Amino acid sequence: MKYQLLIGAVLGAALTGAIAAGSANAVEYKIVEDTVPQSLTGKPGDPANGKKTAINRRKGNCLACHDMPIPEQADHGQVGPPLLGVGSRLSEAELRMRVIDSKVINPDTIMPAFYRSTGLHRVLKKWQGKTIVSAQEVEDIVAYLMTLKE
Protein backbone atom coordinates (compact mmCIF):
# COMPACT_ATOMS: atom_id res chain seq x y z
CA MET A 1 0.00 0.00 0.00
CA LYS A 2 2.82 2.43 0.87
CA TYR A 3 4.46 1.78 -2.50
CA GLN A 4 1.17 2.33 -4.35
CA LEU A 5 0.75 5.69 -2.62
CA LEU A 6 4.33 6.68 -3.42
CA ILE A 7 3.97 5.64 -7.05
CA GLY A 8 0.64 7.49 -7.25
CA ALA A 9 2.20 10.64 -5.82
CA VAL A 10 5.15 10.47 -8.22
CA LEU A 11 2.91 9.85 -11.23
CA GLY A 12 0.55 12.62 -10.16
CA ALA A 13 3.41 15.10 -9.90
CA ALA A 14 4.79 13.98 -13.25
CA LEU A 15 1.44 14.32 -14.99
CA THR A 16 0.61 17.76 -13.60
CA GLY A 17 4.17 19.01 -13.71
CA ALA A 18 3.76 20.58 -10.28
CA ILE A 19 7.04 21.39 -8.64
CA ALA A 20 8.14 23.47 -5.68
CA ALA A 21 11.23 25.62 -5.75
CA GLY A 22 12.38 24.15 -2.46
CA SER A 23 13.34 26.99 -0.15
CA ALA A 24 11.02 28.22 2.56
CA ASN A 25 10.23 31.51 0.80
CA ALA A 26 10.32 30.21 -2.79
CA VAL A 27 7.22 30.33 -4.95
CA GLU A 28 5.73 27.11 -6.27
CA TYR A 29 5.46 26.85 -10.04
CA LYS A 30 4.09 24.41 -12.58
CA ILE A 31 6.04 22.94 -15.48
CA VAL A 32 3.97 22.41 -18.62
CA GLU A 33 5.75 20.72 -21.55
CA ASP A 34 9.23 21.98 -20.54
CA THR A 35 7.99 25.52 -19.89
CA VAL A 36 6.82 27.54 -16.90
CA PRO A 37 3.94 29.50 -18.43
CA GLN A 38 2.89 31.45 -15.33
CA SER A 39 4.85 34.32 -13.82
CA LEU A 40 6.36 33.46 -10.44
CA THR A 41 5.24 36.79 -9.03
CA GLY A 42 2.05 37.57 -10.94
CA LYS A 43 3.51 40.86 -12.12
CA PRO A 44 5.66 41.75 -15.11
CA GLY A 45 9.40 41.80 -14.82
CA ASP A 46 11.51 44.93 -15.20
CA PRO A 47 13.92 44.59 -18.15
CA ALA A 48 16.35 47.18 -16.74
CA ASN A 49 16.60 45.30 -13.43
CA GLY A 50 16.84 42.04 -15.38
CA LYS A 51 19.84 43.30 -17.32
CA LYS A 52 21.53 44.36 -14.06
CA THR A 53 20.91 40.93 -12.52
CA ALA A 54 21.96 39.07 -15.67
CA ILE A 55 25.37 40.80 -15.76
CA ASN A 56 25.90 40.82 -12.00
CA ARG A 57 28.81 38.43 -11.41
CA ARG A 58 27.34 37.38 -8.02
CA LYS A 59 23.78 36.80 -9.25
CA GLY A 60 22.87 35.88 -12.83
CA ASN A 61 26.41 35.98 -14.19
CA CYS A 62 25.10 35.19 -17.69
CA LEU A 63 28.25 36.73 -19.18
CA ALA A 64 30.34 33.89 -17.77
CA CYS A 65 28.92 31.53 -20.40
CA HIS A 66 27.03 33.63 -22.96
CA ASP A 67 27.94 36.31 -25.46
CA MET A 68 25.50 39.14 -24.86
CA PRO A 69 24.74 42.39 -26.70
CA ILE A 70 26.43 44.40 -23.94
CA PRO A 71 29.69 45.69 -25.47
CA GLU A 72 30.49 47.81 -22.41
CA GLN A 73 31.01 44.61 -20.41
CA ALA A 74 34.22 42.63 -20.86
CA ASP A 75 34.82 38.88 -20.91
CA HIS A 76 31.77 37.35 -22.55
CA GLY A 77 31.63 33.57 -22.42
CA GLN A 78 31.48 31.22 -25.37
CA VAL A 79 30.25 28.03 -23.64
CA GLY A 80 26.53 28.70 -23.98
CA PRO A 81 24.67 30.00 -27.01
CA PRO A 82 24.80 33.74 -27.74
CA LEU A 83 21.84 35.56 -26.22
CA LEU A 84 21.38 38.12 -29.01
CA GLY A 85 18.01 37.28 -30.54
CA VAL A 86 16.95 34.89 -27.77
CA GLY A 87 13.72 36.87 -27.33
CA SER A 88 12.85 36.01 -30.94
CA ARG A 89 13.75 32.34 -30.62
CA LEU A 90 12.12 31.44 -27.29
CA SER A 91 8.89 32.40 -25.54
CA GLU A 92 8.66 33.88 -22.04
CA ALA A 93 7.57 30.48 -20.73
CA GLU A 94 10.56 28.76 -22.35
CA LEU A 95 12.99 31.37 -21.03
CA ARG A 96 11.47 31.19 -17.55
CA MET A 97 12.05 27.41 -17.48
CA ARG A 98 15.67 27.84 -18.54
CA VAL A 99 16.35 30.45 -15.86
CA ILE A 100 14.54 28.47 -13.14
CA ASP A 101 16.15 25.11 -13.93
CA SER A 102 17.52 24.35 -17.39
CA LYS A 103 18.34 20.81 -16.29
CA VAL A 104 14.64 19.97 -16.75
CA ILE A 105 15.20 20.43 -20.49
CA ASN A 106 18.78 19.12 -20.68
CA PRO A 107 20.00 17.12 -17.65
CA ASP A 108 23.59 17.35 -18.95
CA THR A 109 23.73 21.14 -19.20
CA ILE A 110 26.29 23.00 -17.12
CA MET A 111 23.91 25.94 -16.71
CA PRO A 112 23.02 26.33 -13.04
CA ALA A 113 19.48 26.11 -11.74
CA PHE A 114 18.95 29.71 -10.65
CA TYR A 115 15.66 29.11 -8.84
CA ARG A 116 16.10 25.68 -7.31
CA SER A 117 17.45 24.91 -3.86
CA THR A 118 16.99 21.15 -3.48
CA GLY A 119 18.62 18.17 -5.16
CA LEU A 120 21.85 20.07 -5.71
CA HIS A 121 25.36 18.80 -5.03
CA ARG A 122 28.39 20.40 -3.38
CA VAL A 123 26.53 23.54 -2.29
CA LEU A 124 28.38 25.96 -0.02
CA LYS A 125 26.87 26.04 3.45
CA LYS A 126 25.79 29.69 3.10
CA TRP A 127 23.77 28.78 -0.04
CA GLN A 128 22.09 25.62 1.25
CA GLY A 129 18.31 25.92 1.04
CA LYS A 130 18.54 29.17 -0.96
CA THR A 131 18.00 30.03 -4.59
CA ILE A 132 20.56 32.05 -6.55
CA VAL A 133 17.97 34.62 -7.61
CA SER A 134 14.57 35.59 -6.24
CA ALA A 135 11.23 35.04 -7.97
CA GLN A 136 11.14 38.71 -8.98
CA GLU A 137 14.68 38.50 -10.34
CA VAL A 138 13.62 35.50 -12.48
CA GLU A 139 10.82 37.63 -13.93
CA ASP A 140 13.16 40.59 -14.44
CA ILE A 141 15.73 38.43 -16.26
CA VAL A 142 13.01 36.94 -18.47
CA ALA A 143 11.71 40.45 -19.27
CA TYR A 144 15.23 41.55 -20.22
CA LEU A 145 15.87 38.46 -22.37
CA MET A 146 12.57 39.08 -24.19
CA THR A 147 13.97 42.48 -25.32
CA LEU A 148 16.86 40.73 -27.12
CA LYS A 149 15.22 40.40 -30.53
CA GLU A 150 16.86 39.74 -33.89
C-alpha atoms as a PDB file:
ATOM      1  CA  MET A   1       0.000   0.000   0.000  1.00  0.00           C
ATOM      2  CA  LYS A   2       2.820   2.428   0.865  1.00  0.00           C
ATOM      3  CA  TYR A   3       4.456   1.776  -2.500  1.00  0.00           C
ATOM      4  CA  GLN A   4       1.173   2.331  -4.348  1.00  0.00           C
ATOM      5  CA  LEU A   5       0.749   5.692  -2.625  1.00  0.00           C
ATOM      6  CA  LEU A   6       4.326   6.679  -3.422  1.00  0.00           C
ATOM      7  CA  ILE A   7       3.973   5.637  -7.054  1.00  0.00           C
ATOM      8  CA  GLY A   8       0.638   7.487  -7.254  1.00  0.00           C
ATOM      9  CA  ALA A   9       2.196  10.645  -5.821  1.00  0.00           C
ATOM     10  CA  VAL A  10       5.152  10.472  -8.220  1.00  0.00           C
ATOM     11  CA  LEU A  11       2.908   9.849 -11.230  1.00  0.00           C
ATOM     12  CA  GLY A  12       0.545  12.618 -10.164  1.00  0.00           C
ATOM     13  CA  ALA A  13       3.410  15.103  -9.903  1.00  0.00           C
ATOM     14  CA  ALA A  14       4.791  13.982 -13.251  1.00  0.00           C
ATOM     15  CA  LEU A  15       1.439  14.325 -14.986  1.00  0.00           C
ATOM     16  CA  THR A  16       0.614  17.762 -13.596  1.00  0.00           C
ATOM     17  CA  GLY A  17       4.170  19.006 -13.711  1.00  0.00           C
ATOM     18  CA  ALA A  18       3.757  20.581 -10.285  1.00  0.00           C
ATOM     19  CA  ILE A  19       7.040  21.389  -8.636  1.00  0.00           C
ATOM     20  CA  ALA A  20       8.140  23.469  -5.678  1.00  0.00           C
ATOM     21  CA  ALA A  21      11.229  25.620  -5.754  1.00  0.00           C
ATOM     22  CA  GLY A  22      12.384  24.150  -2.456  1.00  0.00           C
ATOM     23  CA  SER A  23      13.341  26.993  -0.154  1.00  0.00           C
ATOM     24  CA  ALA A  24      11.017  28.223   2.561  1.00  0.00           C
ATOM     25  CA  ASN A  25      10.230  31.507   0.796  1.00  0.00           C
ATOM     26  CA  ALA A  26      10.315  30.207  -2.788  1.00  0.00           C
ATOM     27  CA  VAL A  27       7.219  30.334  -4.945  1.00  0.00           C
ATOM     28  CA  GLU A  28       5.731  27.112  -6.268  1.00  0.00           C
ATOM     29  CA  TYR A  29       5.459  26.850 -10.038  1.00  0.00           C
ATOM     30  CA  LYS A  30       4.092  24.407 -12.576  1.00  0.00           C
ATOM     31  CA  ILE A  31       6.039  22.943 -15.481  1.00  0.00           C
ATOM     32  CA  VAL A  32       3.975  22.407 -18.617  1.00  0.00           C
ATOM     33  CA  GLU A  33       5.754  20.724 -21.553  1.00  0.00           C
ATOM     34  CA  ASP A  34       9.225  21.977 -20.538  1.00  0.00           C
ATOM     35  CA  THR A  35       7.986  25.518 -19.889  1.00  0.00           C
ATOM     36  CA  VAL A  36       6.825  27.536 -16.902  1.00  0.00           C
ATOM     37  CA  PRO A  37       3.939  29.501 -18.434  1.00  0.00           C
ATOM     38  CA  GLN A  38       2.893  31.447 -15.330  1.00  0.00           C
ATOM     39  CA  SER A  39       4.847  34.318 -13.817  1.00  0.00           C
ATOM     40  CA  LEU A  40       6.361  33.460 -10.440  1.00  0.00           C
ATOM     41  CA  THR A  41       5.236  36.793  -9.026  1.00  0.00           C
ATOM     42  CA  GLY A  42       2.052  37.570 -10.935  1.00  0.00           C
ATOM     43  CA  LYS A  43       3.511  40.858 -12.120  1.00  0.00           C
ATOM     44  CA  PRO A  44       5.658  41.754 -15.105  1.00  0.00           C
ATOM     45  CA  GLY A  45       9.400  41.797 -14.821  1.00  0.00           C
ATOM     46  CA  ASP A  46      11.508  44.928 -15.199  1.00  0.00           C
ATOM     47  CA  PRO A  47      13.921  44.589 -18.149  1.00  0.00           C
ATOM     48  CA  ALA A  48      16.354  47.183 -16.739  1.00  0.00           C
ATOM     49  CA  ASN A  49      16.602  45.303 -13.435  1.00  0.00           C
ATOM     50  CA  GLY A  50      16.835  42.038 -15.377  1.00  0.00           C
ATOM     51  CA  LYS A  51      19.840  43.303 -17.317  1.00  0.00           C
ATOM     52  CA  LYS A  52      21.533  44.362 -14.061  1.00  0.00           C
ATOM     53  CA  THR A  53      20.906  40.935 -12.517  1.00  0.00           C
ATOM     54  CA  ALA A  54      21.965  39.071 -15.670  1.00  0.00           C
ATOM     55  CA  ILE A  55      25.366  40.797 -15.763  1.00  0.00           C
ATOM     56  CA  ASN A  56      25.895  40.817 -11.995  1.00  0.00           C
ATOM     57  CA  ARG A  57      28.806  38.431 -11.409  1.00  0.00           C
ATOM     58  CA  ARG A  58      27.339  37.381  -8.024  1.00  0.00           C
ATOM     59  CA  LYS A  59      23.780  36.798  -9.249  1.00  0.00           C
ATOM     60  CA  GLY A  60      22.874  35.879 -12.831  1.00  0.00           C
ATOM     61  CA  ASN A  61      26.413  35.978 -14.193  1.00  0.00           C
ATOM     62  CA  CYS A  62      25.099  35.185 -17.690  1.00  0.00           C
ATOM     63  CA  LEU A  63      28.249  36.730 -19.177  1.00  0.00           C
ATOM     64  CA  ALA A  64      30.344  33.890 -17.770  1.00  0.00           C
ATOM     65  CA  CYS A  65      28.915  31.529 -20.403  1.00  0.00           C
ATOM     66  CA  HIS A  66      27.029  33.628 -22.962  1.00  0.00           C
ATOM     67  CA  ASP A  67      27.942  36.309 -25.460  1.00  0.00           C
ATOM     68  CA  MET A  68      25.500  39.137 -24.859  1.00  0.00           C
ATOM     69  CA  PRO A  69      24.745  42.389 -26.702  1.00  0.00           C
ATOM     70  CA  ILE A  70      26.429  44.398 -23.945  1.00  0.00           C
ATOM     71  CA  PRO A  71      29.688  45.686 -25.475  1.00  0.00           C
ATOM     72  CA  GLU A  72      30.493  47.813 -22.413  1.00  0.00           C
ATOM     73  CA  GLN A  73      31.008  44.608 -20.405  1.00  0.00           C
ATOM     74  CA  ALA A  74      34.224  42.630 -20.856  1.00  0.00           C
ATOM     75  CA  ASP A  75      34.824  38.884 -20.914  1.00  0.00           C
ATOM     76  CA  HIS A  76      31.769  37.350 -22.555  1.00  0.00           C
ATOM     77  CA  GLY A  77      31.625  33.567 -22.421  1.00  0.00           C
ATOM     78  CA  GLN A  78      31.481  31.223 -25.372  1.00  0.00           C
ATOM     79  CA  VAL A  79      30.253  28.031 -23.641  1.00  0.00           C
ATOM     80  CA  GLY A  80      26.526  28.704 -23.976  1.00  0.00           C
ATOM     81  CA  PRO A  81      24.669  29.999 -27.009  1.00  0.00           C
ATOM     82  CA  PRO A  82      24.804  33.742 -27.741  1.00  0.00           C
ATOM     83  CA  LEU A  83      21.839  35.563 -26.217  1.00  0.00           C
ATOM     84  CA  LEU A  84      21.380  38.123 -29.006  1.00  0.00           C
ATOM     85  CA  GLY A  85      18.009  37.279 -30.535  1.00  0.00           C
ATOM     86  CA  VAL A  86      16.955  34.887 -27.771  1.00  0.00           C
ATOM     87  CA  GLY A  87      13.720  36.867 -27.333  1.00  0.00           C
ATOM     88  CA  SER A  88      12.851  36.006 -30.943  1.00  0.00           C
ATOM     89  CA  ARG A  89      13.753  32.337 -30.623  1.00  0.00           C
ATOM     90  CA  LEU A  90      12.123  31.443 -27.291  1.00  0.00           C
ATOM     91  CA  SER A  91       8.889  32.396 -25.537  1.00  0.00           C
ATOM     92  CA  GLU A  92       8.655  33.876 -22.043  1.00  0.00           C
ATOM     93  CA  ALA A  93       7.566  30.479 -20.732  1.00  0.00           C
ATOM     94  CA  GLU A  94      10.562  28.757 -22.345  1.00  0.00           C
ATOM     95  CA  LEU A  95      12.987  31.369 -21.033  1.00  0.00           C
ATOM     96  CA  ARG A  96      11.471  31.189 -17.546  1.00  0.00           C
ATOM     97  CA  MET A  97      12.048  27.410 -17.479  1.00  0.00           C
ATOM     98  CA  ARG A  98      15.673  27.843 -18.542  1.00  0.00           C
ATOM     99  CA  VAL A  99      16.353  30.447 -15.856  1.00  0.00           C
ATOM    100  CA  ILE A 100      14.545  28.474 -13.141  1.00  0.00           C
ATOM    101  CA  ASP A 101      16.152  25.108 -13.927  1.00  0.00           C
ATOM    102  CA  SER A 102      17.517  24.354 -17.392  1.00  0.00           C
ATOM    103  CA  LYS A 103      18.335  20.805 -16.293  1.00  0.00           C
ATOM    104  CA  VAL A 104      14.637  19.967 -16.748  1.00  0.00           C
ATOM    105  CA  ILE A 105      15.202  20.426 -20.490  1.00  0.00           C
ATOM    106  CA  ASN A 106      18.780  19.123 -20.676  1.00  0.00           C
ATOM    107  CA  PRO A 107      19.999  17.121 -17.654  1.00  0.00           C
ATOM    108  CA  ASP A 108      23.588  17.351 -18.951  1.00  0.00           C
ATOM    109  CA  THR A 109      23.730  21.144 -19.202  1.00  0.00           C
ATOM    110  CA  ILE A 110      26.289  23.003 -17.116  1.00  0.00           C
ATOM    111  CA  MET A 111      23.907  25.940 -16.709  1.00  0.00           C
ATOM    112  CA  PRO A 112      23.020  26.330 -13.044  1.00  0.00           C
ATOM    113  CA  ALA A 113      19.476  26.109 -11.745  1.00  0.00           C
ATOM    114  CA  PHE A 114      18.954  29.707 -10.655  1.00  0.00           C
ATOM    115  CA  TYR A 115      15.659  29.108  -8.838  1.00  0.00           C
ATOM    116  CA  ARG A 116      16.098  25.678  -7.309  1.00  0.00           C
ATOM    117  CA  SER A 117      17.452  24.908  -3.864  1.00  0.00           C
ATOM    118  CA  THR A 118      16.990  21.155  -3.484  1.00  0.00           C
ATOM    119  CA  GLY A 119      18.616  18.166  -5.159  1.00  0.00           C
ATOM    120  CA  LEU A 120      21.853  20.072  -5.705  1.00  0.00           C
ATOM    121  CA  HIS A 121      25.363  18.805  -5.034  1.00  0.00           C
ATOM    122  CA  ARG A 122      28.393  20.401  -3.382  1.00  0.00           C
ATOM    123  CA  VAL A 123      26.531  23.537  -2.288  1.00  0.00           C
ATOM    124  CA  LEU A 124      28.378  25.960  -0.016  1.00  0.00           C
ATOM    125  CA  LYS A 125      26.874  26.041   3.454  1.00  0.00           C
ATOM    126  CA  LYS A 126      25.789  29.694   3.098  1.00  0.00           C
ATOM    127  CA  TRP A 127      23.769  28.783  -0.043  1.00  0.00           C
ATOM    128  CA  GLN A 128      22.091  25.617   1.253  1.00  0.00           C
ATOM    129  CA  GLY A 129      18.312  25.921   1.041  1.00  0.00           C
ATOM    130  CA  LYS A 130      18.543  29.167  -0.959  1.00  0.00           C
ATOM    131  CA  THR A 131      18.002  30.026  -4.587  1.00  0.00           C
ATOM    132  CA  ILE A 132      20.557  32.052  -6.549  1.00  0.00           C
ATOM    133  CA  VAL A 133      17.972  34.617  -7.613  1.00  0.00           C
ATOM    134  CA  SER A 134      14.568  35.593  -6.244  1.00  0.00           C
ATOM    135  CA  ALA A 135      11.227  35.042  -7.973  1.00  0.00           C
ATOM    136  CA  GLN A 136      11.137  38.713  -8.980  1.00  0.00           C
ATOM    137  CA  GLU A 137      14.679  38.499 -10.338  1.00  0.00           C
ATOM    138  CA  VAL A 138      13.618  35.503 -12.476  1.00  0.00           C
ATOM    139  CA  GLU A 139      10.817  37.631 -13.932  1.00  0.00           C
ATOM    140  CA  ASP A 140      13.162  40.592 -14.438  1.00  0.00           C
ATOM    141  CA  ILE A 141      15.729  38.433 -16.261  1.00  0.00           C
ATOM    142  CA  VAL A 142      13.006  36.942 -18.473  1.00  0.00           C
ATOM    143  CA  ALA A 143      11.705  40.451 -19.269  1.00  0.00           C
ATOM    144  CA  TYR A 144      15.234  41.545 -20.221  1.00  0.00           C
ATOM    145  CA  LEU A 145      15.870  38.464 -22.368  1.00  0.00           C
ATOM    146  CA  MET A 146      12.571  39.085 -24.193  1.00  0.00           C
ATOM    147  CA  THR A 147      13.969  42.480 -25.316  1.00  0.00           C
ATOM    148  CA  LEU A 148      16.855  40.725 -27.117  1.00  0.00           C
ATOM    149  CA  LYS A 149      15.221  40.402 -30.533  1.00  0.00           C
ATOM    150  CA  GLU A 150      16.859  39.744 -33.888  1.00  0.00           C
END
